Amino acid sequence: MNNATVKQIMAYLQEELGGGIISADIYSASDGQSIGGINSNLKGAALLARVTVQLQNAIKAAGFKGLGPYYLITIEETMAAVVIPMGAYECGIMVDTSKAKMGLVLNLVIPGILEIAKK
């Protein structure tokens, strides 16, 4: 993923979610190394990359085909981690659910990020 695409995704997130973003990163799926973000959380990116691998392995071991286009983890009462696997990279977004509506994230933001990443 090139730098221009990362910047475009981050600008899109900022435009759509504004103050609802706690942090967001695009990072390598293999090692969690961030290549760009908003209020980057380097430990969080590395952790989510590991969680994705574990989820993928568990899902396949259970006989399913694999992860869908994203997964969501709720954390505390007003925080959610949204992870969008995109091949060699992932987009991890920590959302303040008291400031950003999850319907917006699921129905607009995630498809928008996937569309930008395809270009």
Protein backbone atom coordinates (compact mmCIF):
# COMPACT_ATOMS: atom_id res chain seq x y z
CA MET A 1 0.00 0.00 0.00
CA ASN A 2 1.50 3.32 -0.98
CA ASN A 3 1.78 6.45 1.15
CA ALA A 4 -0.84 8.33 -0.88
CA THR A 5 -3.44 5.61 -0.22
CA VAL A 6 -2.66 5.62 3.52
CA LYS A 7 -3.06 9.42 3.62
CA GLN A 8 -6.32 9.21 1.65
CA ILE A 9 -7.75 6.62 4.07
CA MET A 10 -6.75 8.70 7.11
CA ALA A 11 -8.26 11.85 5.58
CA TYR A 12 -11.47 9.93 4.86
CA LEU A 13 -11.63 8.67 8.45
CA GLN A 14 -11.05 12.16 9.82
CA GLU A 15 -13.78 13.57 7.58
CA GLU A 16 -16.35 10.90 8.40
CA LEU A 17 -15.65 10.26 12.09
CA GLY A 18 -13.82 13.38 13.33
CA GLY A 19 -13.76 13.38 17.13
CA GLY A 20 -15.07 9.83 17.21
CA ILE A 21 -11.61 8.50 16.32
CA ILE A 22 -9.46 7.59 19.29
CA SER A 23 -6.74 6.24 17.01
CA ALA A 24 -6.39 4.71 13.57
CA ASP A 25 -3.51 2.93 11.87
CA ILE A 26 -2.69 1.14 8.66
CA TYR A 27 -0.18 -1.56 9.56
CA SER A 28 1.52 -4.62 8.17
CA ALA A 29 -0.59 -7.73 8.71
CA SER A 30 2.57 -9.80 9.22
CA ASP A 31 4.20 -7.82 12.04
CA GLY A 32 1.86 -4.98 13.04
CA GLN A 33 4.33 -2.27 11.98
CA SER A 34 2.37 0.93 11.41
CA ILE A 35 2.86 2.74 8.11
CA GLY A 36 0.61 5.69 8.98
CA GLY A 37 -2.21 6.79 11.17
CA ILE A 38 -4.07 9.23 13.38
CA ASN A 39 -3.01 9.28 17.05
CA SER A 40 -1.12 6.09 16.23
CA ASN A 41 -1.12 3.33 18.82
CA LEU A 42 1.86 1.17 17.91
CA LYS A 43 1.26 -1.44 20.62
CA GLY A 44 -2.40 -1.62 19.64
CA ALA A 45 -1.52 -2.17 15.97
CA ALA A 46 0.88 -5.00 16.85
CA LEU A 47 -1.71 -6.58 19.14
CA LEU A 48 -4.50 -6.40 16.53
CA ALA A 49 -2.25 -7.94 13.86
CA ARG A 50 -1.70 -10.89 16.23
CA VAL A 51 -5.41 -11.13 17.06
CA THR A 52 -6.26 -11.26 13.34
CA VAL A 53 -3.93 -14.21 12.78
CA GLN A 54 -5.36 -16.05 15.78
CA LEU A 55 -8.94 -15.38 14.66
CA GLN A 56 -8.20 -16.53 11.12
CA ASN A 57 -6.64 -19.76 12.41
CA ALA A 58 -9.50 -20.45 14.83
CA ILE A 59 -12.16 -19.78 12.20
CA LYS A 60 -10.49 -22.09 9.68
CA ALA A 61 -9.95 -24.79 12.35
CA ALA A 62 -13.70 -24.65 13.04
CA GLY A 63 -14.40 -25.44 9.39
CA PHE A 64 -15.36 -21.98 8.16
CA LYS A 65 -13.86 -20.29 5.09
CA GLY A 66 -12.33 -17.32 6.90
CA LEU A 67 -12.89 -13.83 8.18
CA GLY A 68 -15.28 -11.45 6.48
CA PRO A 69 -14.31 -7.93 5.42
CA TYR A 70 -13.93 -6.71 9.04
CA TYR A 71 -14.25 -7.66 12.68
CA LEU A 72 -15.32 -5.62 15.69
CA ILE A 73 -14.29 -5.85 19.33
CA THR A 74 -16.07 -3.80 21.95
CA ILE A 75 -13.80 -2.51 24.71
CA GLU A 76 -15.20 -0.92 27.84
CA GLU A 77 -18.55 0.84 27.53
CA THR A 78 -17.72 3.45 24.92
CA MET A 79 -14.86 2.06 22.86
CA ALA A 80 -14.71 -0.33 19.92
CA ALA A 81 -11.85 -1.65 17.81
CA VAL A 82 -12.71 -2.14 14.15
CA VAL A 83 -10.20 -4.14 12.12
CA ILE A 84 -10.32 -4.29 8.33
CA PRO A 85 -7.94 -6.90 6.89
CA MET A 86 -6.72 -5.85 3.43
CA GLY A 87 -4.27 -8.52 2.30
CA ALA A 88 -0.75 -7.57 3.37
CA TYR A 89 -2.11 -4.69 5.47
CA GLU A 90 -4.84 -4.04 7.99
CA CYS A 91 -6.65 -0.90 9.05
CA GLY A 92 -7.29 -0.74 12.79
CA ILE A 93 -9.59 1.96 14.13
CA MET A 94 -10.34 2.66 17.79
CA VAL A 95 -13.73 4.37 17.91
CA ASP A 96 -15.32 6.35 20.72
CA THR A 97 -18.84 4.98 20.42
CA SER A 98 -20.28 7.89 22.39
CA LYS A 99 -19.11 10.26 19.61
CA ALA A 100 -19.37 8.12 16.47
CA LYS A 101 -22.38 6.05 15.51
CA MET A 102 -21.51 2.43 14.76
CA GLY A 103 -24.09 2.31 11.98
CA LEU A 104 -22.04 4.99 10.19
CA VAL A 105 -18.84 3.00 10.76
CA LEU A 106 -20.30 -0.28 9.51
CA ASN A 107 -22.37 0.99 6.58
CA LEU A 108 -20.32 3.90 5.28
CA VAL A 109 -16.80 4.03 6.68
CA ILE A 110 -15.75 0.39 6.24
CA PRO A 111 -17.00 0.15 2.61
CA GLY A 112 -15.36 3.53 1.91
CA ILE A 113 -12.00 2.37 3.24
CA LEU A 114 -12.19 -0.85 1.21
CA GLU A 115 -13.00 1.15 -1.93
CA ILE A 116 -10.05 3.51 -1.40
CA ALA A 117 -7.71 0.57 -0.74
CA LYS A 118 -8.73 -1.12 -4.03
CA LYS A 119 -7.64 1.85 -6.14
